[in-house]
Amino acid sequence: MKKTIATLIAGLFATAAFAQAPTPAATTPAAAKVEAKVEAKQEKQAAKAEVKETKAAAKADVKETKAAAKADVKDAKQVAKADVKEAKHDAKAEVKEAKADAKQAKAEHKATTVAAATPAATK
C-alpha cells in the first residue's frame, strides 16, 4: 500500500509539474512579443523626440550665428565709414594747409619781387 500511495503521489506531482509548465511558456512568448513591440515603439518615439530637439537646438545655433555675423558686418561697416570720414577730413585739412602754404609763398615771392623792383626804381 505504501508503494501504491507513493506512486499516486509521484504521479500527482508529475502531472502537476507537466500541467503548469506549458501554460506559462505558451503565454510568455506572446506577452514578451507585445512588451518588445511596446518597448520598441517607446524607444522610437524617444529617438524621434531627441532628433527633433537636436534639430531645434541646431536651428537656434544657426540663427544666433547669423545674428552675430550680421552684427559684426554692421560694426565693420560703421568702422569703415568712420575711417573714410576721417581720411576725407585729413585730406581736406592737408589741401587747406597746402593752399595756405602756396598763398604764403606767393605773397613772399611778390614781396621780394616788389622789394627788389622798388630800390631800382627809386635810384
N, C-alpha and C. Protein backbone atom coordinates (compact mmCIF):
# COMPACT_ATOMS: atom_id res chain seq x y z
N MET A 1 0.80 -1.16 0.00
CA MET A 1 0.00 0.00 0.00
C MET A 1 0.86 1.25 0.00
N LYS A 2 1.91 1.22 0.72
CA LYS A 2 2.81 2.36 0.74
C LYS A 2 3.33 2.63 -0.66
N LYS A 3 3.62 1.58 -1.39
CA LYS A 3 4.13 1.75 -2.75
C LYS A 3 3.06 2.37 -3.63
N THR A 4 1.89 1.97 -3.51
CA THR A 4 0.81 2.48 -4.33
C THR A 4 0.56 3.96 -4.03
N ILE A 5 0.54 4.29 -2.76
CA ILE A 5 0.33 5.68 -2.36
C ILE A 5 1.51 6.53 -2.86
N ALA A 6 2.71 6.02 -2.73
CA ALA A 6 3.90 6.75 -3.20
C ALA A 6 3.83 6.95 -4.71
N THR A 7 3.37 5.96 -5.47
CA THR A 7 3.24 6.07 -6.92
C THR A 7 2.18 7.09 -7.27
N LEU A 8 1.06 7.03 -6.57
CA LEU A 8 0.00 8.01 -6.83
C LEU A 8 0.46 9.45 -6.53
N ILE A 9 1.12 9.61 -5.43
CA ILE A 9 1.62 10.95 -5.08
C ILE A 9 2.64 11.42 -6.11
N ALA A 10 3.55 10.55 -6.51
CA ALA A 10 4.56 10.90 -7.52
C ALA A 10 3.88 11.23 -8.84
N GLY A 11 2.87 10.47 -9.19
CA GLY A 11 2.12 10.75 -10.42
C GLY A 11 1.41 12.08 -10.34
N LEU A 12 0.86 12.36 -9.17
CA LEU A 12 0.18 13.64 -8.96
C LEU A 12 1.16 14.80 -9.14
N PHE A 13 2.29 14.69 -8.50
CA PHE A 13 3.31 15.75 -8.65
C PHE A 13 3.79 15.87 -10.10
N ALA A 14 3.96 14.76 -10.77
CA ALA A 14 4.44 14.78 -12.16
C ALA A 14 3.42 15.43 -13.06
N THR A 15 2.15 15.08 -12.91
CA THR A 15 1.14 15.69 -13.76
C THR A 15 0.98 17.17 -13.44
N ALA A 16 1.11 17.52 -12.18
CA ALA A 16 1.01 18.93 -11.80
C ALA A 16 2.17 19.72 -12.41
N ALA A 17 3.34 19.14 -12.40
CA ALA A 17 4.51 19.82 -12.96
C ALA A 17 4.37 19.96 -14.47
N PHE A 18 3.91 18.90 -15.15
CA PHE A 18 3.74 18.97 -16.60
C PHE A 18 2.57 19.88 -16.99
N ALA A 19 1.57 19.93 -16.18
CA ALA A 19 0.40 20.74 -16.49
C ALA A 19 0.73 22.23 -16.37
N GLN A 20 1.56 22.60 -15.44
CA GLN A 20 1.88 24.01 -15.24
C GLN A 20 2.98 24.50 -16.18
N ALA A 21 3.83 23.68 -16.61
CA ALA A 21 4.96 24.11 -17.44
C ALA A 21 4.53 24.71 -18.78
N PRO A 22 3.64 24.09 -19.55
CA PRO A 22 3.29 24.66 -20.84
C PRO A 22 2.49 25.95 -20.74
N THR A 23 1.70 26.11 -19.72
CA THR A 23 0.86 27.29 -19.61
C THR A 23 1.70 28.57 -19.55
N PRO A 24 2.67 28.72 -18.67
CA PRO A 24 3.46 29.95 -18.68
C PRO A 24 4.31 30.07 -19.94
N ALA A 25 4.78 28.95 -20.44
CA ALA A 25 5.61 29.01 -21.63
C ALA A 25 4.81 29.47 -22.84
N ALA A 26 3.57 29.09 -22.93
CA ALA A 26 2.73 29.45 -24.06
C ALA A 26 2.37 30.94 -24.00
N THR A 27 2.11 31.49 -22.85
CA THR A 27 1.73 32.90 -22.74
C THR A 27 2.94 33.81 -22.73
N THR A 28 4.06 33.34 -22.30
CA THR A 28 5.24 34.19 -22.19
C THR A 28 5.72 34.72 -23.54
N PRO A 29 5.81 33.92 -24.60
CA PRO A 29 6.28 34.48 -25.86
C PRO A 29 5.35 35.57 -26.40
N ALA A 30 4.06 35.38 -26.26
CA ALA A 30 3.13 36.39 -26.76
C ALA A 30 3.25 37.67 -25.94
N ALA A 31 3.34 37.52 -24.64
CA ALA A 31 3.47 38.69 -23.77
C ALA A 31 4.81 39.38 -24.02
N ALA A 32 5.85 38.57 -24.20
CA ALA A 32 7.17 39.14 -24.46
C ALA A 32 7.18 39.87 -25.79
N LYS A 33 6.47 39.32 -26.75
CA LYS A 33 6.39 39.95 -28.07
C LYS A 33 5.70 41.31 -27.97
N VAL A 34 4.60 41.34 -27.23
CA VAL A 34 3.86 42.59 -27.04
C VAL A 34 4.73 43.61 -26.30
N GLU A 35 5.41 43.14 -25.25
CA GLU A 35 6.30 44.02 -24.48
C GLU A 35 7.41 44.55 -25.36
N ALA A 36 7.97 43.70 -26.21
CA ALA A 36 9.05 44.11 -27.10
C ALA A 36 8.56 45.17 -28.08
N LYS A 37 7.34 44.98 -28.59
CA LYS A 37 6.77 45.96 -29.52
C LYS A 37 6.56 47.30 -28.83
N VAL A 38 6.00 47.24 -27.63
CA VAL A 38 5.74 48.48 -26.88
C VAL A 38 7.06 49.18 -26.58
N GLU A 39 8.05 48.42 -26.15
CA GLU A 39 9.36 48.99 -25.82
C GLU A 39 10.02 49.59 -27.07
N ALA A 40 9.92 48.88 -28.19
CA ALA A 40 10.50 49.39 -29.44
C ALA A 40 9.81 50.68 -29.86
N LYS A 41 8.48 50.72 -29.67
CA LYS A 41 7.72 51.93 -30.02
C LYS A 41 8.15 53.11 -29.14
N GLN A 42 8.32 52.85 -27.85
CA GLN A 42 8.75 53.90 -26.93
C GLN A 42 10.15 54.39 -27.28
N GLU A 43 11.04 53.46 -27.61
CA GLU A 43 12.41 53.84 -27.99
C GLU A 43 12.39 54.67 -29.27
N LYS A 44 11.54 54.29 -30.20
CA LYS A 44 11.43 55.01 -31.46
C LYS A 44 10.93 56.44 -31.21
N GLN A 45 9.91 56.56 -30.35
CA GLN A 45 9.39 57.89 -30.02
C GLN A 45 10.44 58.73 -29.30
N ALA A 46 11.19 58.10 -28.42
CA ALA A 46 12.25 58.82 -27.70
C ALA A 46 13.33 59.29 -28.68
N ALA A 47 13.68 58.44 -29.62
CA ALA A 47 14.68 58.81 -30.62
C ALA A 47 14.17 59.96 -31.49
N LYS A 48 12.90 59.90 -31.87
CA LYS A 48 12.31 60.98 -32.68
C LYS A 48 12.34 62.29 -31.90
N ALA A 49 11.97 62.23 -30.63
CA ALA A 49 11.96 63.43 -29.80
C ALA A 49 13.37 64.00 -29.66
N GLU A 50 14.34 63.12 -29.52
CA GLU A 50 15.74 63.56 -29.39
C GLU A 50 16.22 64.22 -30.69
N VAL A 51 15.86 63.63 -31.82
CA VAL A 51 16.24 64.21 -33.11
C VAL A 51 15.59 65.57 -33.29
N LYS A 52 14.33 65.66 -32.91
CA LYS A 52 13.60 66.92 -33.03
C LYS A 52 14.25 68.00 -32.15
N GLU A 53 14.61 67.62 -30.95
CA GLU A 53 15.26 68.55 -30.01
C GLU A 53 16.63 68.98 -30.55
N THR A 54 17.36 68.04 -31.11
CA THR A 54 18.68 68.36 -31.67
C THR A 54 18.54 69.31 -32.85
N LYS A 55 17.55 69.06 -33.71
CA LYS A 55 17.32 69.95 -34.85
C LYS A 55 16.97 71.36 -34.38
N ALA A 56 16.13 71.45 -33.36
CA ALA A 56 15.73 72.76 -32.83
C ALA A 56 16.95 73.49 -32.26
N ALA A 57 17.79 72.77 -31.56
CA ALA A 57 19.00 73.38 -30.99
C ALA A 57 19.94 73.84 -32.10
N ALA A 58 20.09 73.03 -33.14
CA ALA A 58 20.96 73.40 -34.26
C ALA A 58 20.40 74.63 -34.97
N LYS A 59 19.09 74.67 -35.13
CA LYS A 59 18.45 75.80 -35.79
C LYS A 59 18.68 77.08 -34.98
N ALA A 60 18.55 76.97 -33.67
CA ALA A 60 18.78 78.13 -32.81
C ALA A 60 20.23 78.59 -32.89
N ASP A 61 21.16 77.63 -32.94
CA ASP A 61 22.58 77.98 -33.07
C ASP A 61 22.84 78.70 -34.38
N VAL A 62 22.23 78.23 -35.45
CA VAL A 62 22.42 78.87 -36.76
C VAL A 62 21.87 80.29 -36.72
N LYS A 63 20.69 80.46 -36.12
CA LYS A 63 20.10 81.79 -36.01
C LYS A 63 21.02 82.73 -35.24
N GLU A 64 21.53 82.22 -34.13
CA GLU A 64 22.42 83.03 -33.28
C GLU A 64 23.69 83.40 -34.02
N THR A 65 24.24 82.45 -34.75
CA THR A 65 25.47 82.71 -35.51
C THR A 65 25.22 83.74 -36.60
N LYS A 66 24.07 83.63 -37.28
CA LYS A 66 23.73 84.61 -38.32
C LYS A 66 23.59 86.00 -37.73
N ALA A 67 22.93 86.08 -36.59
CA ALA A 67 22.73 87.38 -35.94
C ALA A 67 24.07 87.98 -35.54
N ALA A 68 24.96 87.15 -35.01
CA ALA A 68 26.29 87.63 -34.62
C ALA A 68 27.08 88.09 -35.85
N ALA A 69 26.96 87.35 -36.94
CA ALA A 69 27.67 87.73 -38.17
C ALA A 69 27.13 89.05 -38.71
N LYS A 70 25.80 89.22 -38.67
CA LYS A 70 25.22 90.48 -39.13
C LYS A 70 25.70 91.64 -38.28
N ALA A 71 25.76 91.43 -36.98
CA ALA A 71 26.22 92.49 -36.08
C ALA A 71 27.68 92.83 -36.36
N ASP A 72 28.49 91.80 -36.62
CA ASP A 72 29.91 92.03 -36.94
C ASP A 72 30.05 92.82 -38.23
N VAL A 73 29.26 92.47 -39.23
CA VAL A 73 29.31 93.18 -40.52
C VAL A 73 28.89 94.63 -40.32
N LYS A 74 27.84 94.82 -39.54
CA LYS A 74 27.35 96.18 -39.29
C LYS A 74 28.42 97.01 -38.59
N ASP A 75 29.07 96.43 -37.59
CA ASP A 75 30.15 97.13 -36.88
C ASP A 75 31.31 97.44 -37.82
N ALA A 76 31.65 96.48 -38.67
CA ALA A 76 32.76 96.69 -39.61
C ALA A 76 32.42 97.82 -40.58
N LYS A 77 31.17 97.88 -41.03
CA LYS A 77 30.76 98.96 -41.93
C LYS A 77 30.86 100.31 -41.23
N GLN A 78 30.43 100.37 -39.99
CA GLN A 78 30.49 101.62 -39.25
C GLN A 78 31.94 102.07 -39.05
N VAL A 79 32.80 101.13 -38.74
CA VAL A 79 34.22 101.45 -38.56
C VAL A 79 34.81 101.94 -39.87
N ALA A 80 34.46 101.25 -40.96
CA ALA A 80 34.97 101.65 -42.27
C ALA A 80 34.46 103.05 -42.63
N LYS A 81 33.19 103.33 -42.35
CA LYS A 81 32.63 104.64 -42.62
C LYS A 81 33.36 105.72 -41.84
N ALA A 82 33.62 105.42 -40.57
CA ALA A 82 34.33 106.39 -39.73
C ALA A 82 35.75 106.62 -40.25
N ASP A 83 36.40 105.55 -40.70
CA ASP A 83 37.76 105.68 -41.25
C ASP A 83 37.75 106.54 -42.51
N VAL A 84 36.76 106.32 -43.37
CA VAL A 84 36.66 107.10 -44.61
C VAL A 84 36.42 108.56 -44.28
N LYS A 85 35.53 108.80 -43.34
CA LYS A 85 35.22 110.17 -42.94
C LYS A 85 36.46 110.87 -42.40
N GLU A 86 37.19 110.16 -41.58
CA GLU A 86 38.43 110.71 -41.00
C GLU A 86 39.47 110.98 -42.09
N ALA A 87 39.57 110.05 -43.03
CA ALA A 87 40.54 110.23 -44.12
C ALA A 87 40.16 111.44 -44.97
N LYS A 88 38.87 111.62 -45.25
CA LYS A 88 38.42 112.79 -46.02
C LYS A 88 38.74 114.07 -45.27
N HIS A 89 38.49 114.08 -43.97
CA HIS A 89 38.76 115.25 -43.15
C HIS A 89 40.26 115.58 -43.17
N ASP A 90 41.07 114.53 -43.02
CA ASP A 90 42.53 114.74 -43.07
C ASP A 90 42.97 115.28 -44.43
N ALA A 91 42.39 114.73 -45.49
CA ALA A 91 42.76 115.17 -46.84
C ALA A 91 42.35 116.64 -47.04
N LYS A 92 41.16 117.00 -46.58
CA LYS A 92 40.72 118.38 -46.70
C LYS A 92 41.65 119.31 -45.92
N ALA A 93 42.06 118.89 -44.74
CA ALA A 93 42.96 119.70 -43.93
C ALA A 93 44.31 119.87 -44.63
N GLU A 94 44.78 118.79 -45.24
CA GLU A 94 46.06 118.87 -45.96
C GLU A 94 45.95 119.80 -47.16
N VAL A 95 44.84 119.73 -47.89
CA VAL A 95 44.63 120.60 -49.05
C VAL A 95 44.57 122.05 -48.58
N LYS A 96 43.86 122.29 -47.50
CA LYS A 96 43.74 123.64 -46.97
C LYS A 96 45.11 124.18 -46.56
N GLU A 97 45.88 123.31 -45.92
CA GLU A 97 47.23 123.70 -45.48
C GLU A 97 48.13 123.97 -46.68
N ALA A 98 48.01 123.12 -47.69
CA ALA A 98 48.82 123.30 -48.90
C ALA A 98 48.45 124.61 -49.59
N LYS A 99 47.17 124.94 -49.65
CA LYS A 99 46.73 126.19 -50.26
C LYS A 99 47.27 127.38 -49.47
N ALA A 100 47.22 127.26 -48.14
CA ALA A 100 47.73 128.35 -47.30
C ALA A 100 49.23 128.53 -47.52
N ASP A 101 49.96 127.41 -47.63
CA ASP A 101 51.41 127.48 -47.88
C ASP A 101 51.69 128.11 -49.23
N ALA A 102 50.89 127.72 -50.22
CA ALA A 102 51.08 128.27 -51.57
C ALA A 102 50.78 129.77 -51.58
N LYS A 103 49.75 130.16 -50.89
CA LYS A 103 49.37 131.57 -50.81
C LYS A 103 50.48 132.38 -50.13
N GLN A 104 51.02 131.77 -49.06
CA GLN A 104 52.10 132.46 -48.32
C GLN A 104 53.34 132.54 -49.19
N ALA A 105 53.66 131.49 -49.91
CA ALA A 105 54.83 131.51 -50.77
C ALA A 105 54.66 132.54 -51.88
N LYS A 106 53.46 132.65 -52.41
CA LYS A 106 53.17 133.62 -53.46
C LYS A 106 53.31 135.04 -52.92
N ALA A 107 52.80 135.23 -51.68
CA ALA A 107 52.91 136.56 -51.07
C ALA A 107 54.36 136.91 -50.82
N GLU A 108 55.15 135.94 -50.36
CA GLU A 108 56.57 136.19 -50.11
C GLU A 108 57.30 136.49 -51.42
N HIS A 109 56.97 135.75 -52.46
CA HIS A 109 57.60 135.96 -53.76
C HIS A 109 57.26 137.36 -54.28
N LYS A 110 56.01 137.73 -54.12
CA LYS A 110 55.56 139.05 -54.56
C LYS A 110 56.28 140.14 -53.77
N ALA A 111 56.42 139.91 -52.46
CA ALA A 111 57.07 140.91 -51.61
C ALA A 111 58.54 141.05 -51.99
N THR A 112 59.20 139.96 -52.29
CA THR A 112 60.62 140.05 -52.67
C THR A 112 60.76 140.66 -54.05
N THR A 113 59.84 140.38 -54.93
CA THR A 113 59.91 140.93 -56.27
C THR A 113 59.64 142.43 -56.21
N VAL A 114 58.66 142.84 -55.44
CA VAL A 114 58.35 144.25 -55.32
C VAL A 114 59.49 144.96 -54.60
N ALA A 115 60.06 144.35 -53.60
CA ALA A 115 61.15 144.95 -52.85
C ALA A 115 62.38 145.09 -53.75
N ALA A 116 62.60 144.13 -54.61
CA ALA A 116 63.75 144.17 -55.49
C ALA A 116 63.52 145.21 -56.59
N ALA A 117 62.29 145.38 -57.01
CA ALA A 117 62.00 146.34 -58.09
C ALA A 117 61.93 147.75 -57.55
N THR A 118 61.56 147.98 -56.36
CA THR A 118 61.42 149.33 -55.80
C THR A 118 62.77 150.02 -55.63
N PRO A 119 63.76 149.43 -55.12
CA PRO A 119 65.00 150.18 -54.98
C PRO A 119 65.57 150.54 -56.35
N ALA A 120 65.36 149.76 -57.31
CA ALA A 120 65.89 150.09 -58.61
C ALA A 120 65.12 151.27 -59.20
N ALA A 121 63.88 151.37 -58.94
CA ALA A 121 63.08 152.45 -59.46
C ALA A 121 63.37 153.75 -58.75
N THR A 122 63.72 153.75 -57.52
CA THR A 122 63.98 154.97 -56.77
C THR A 122 65.35 155.52 -57.04
N LYS A 123 66.22 154.79 -57.49
CA LYS A 123 67.57 155.28 -57.71
C LYS A 123 67.64 155.96 -58.98
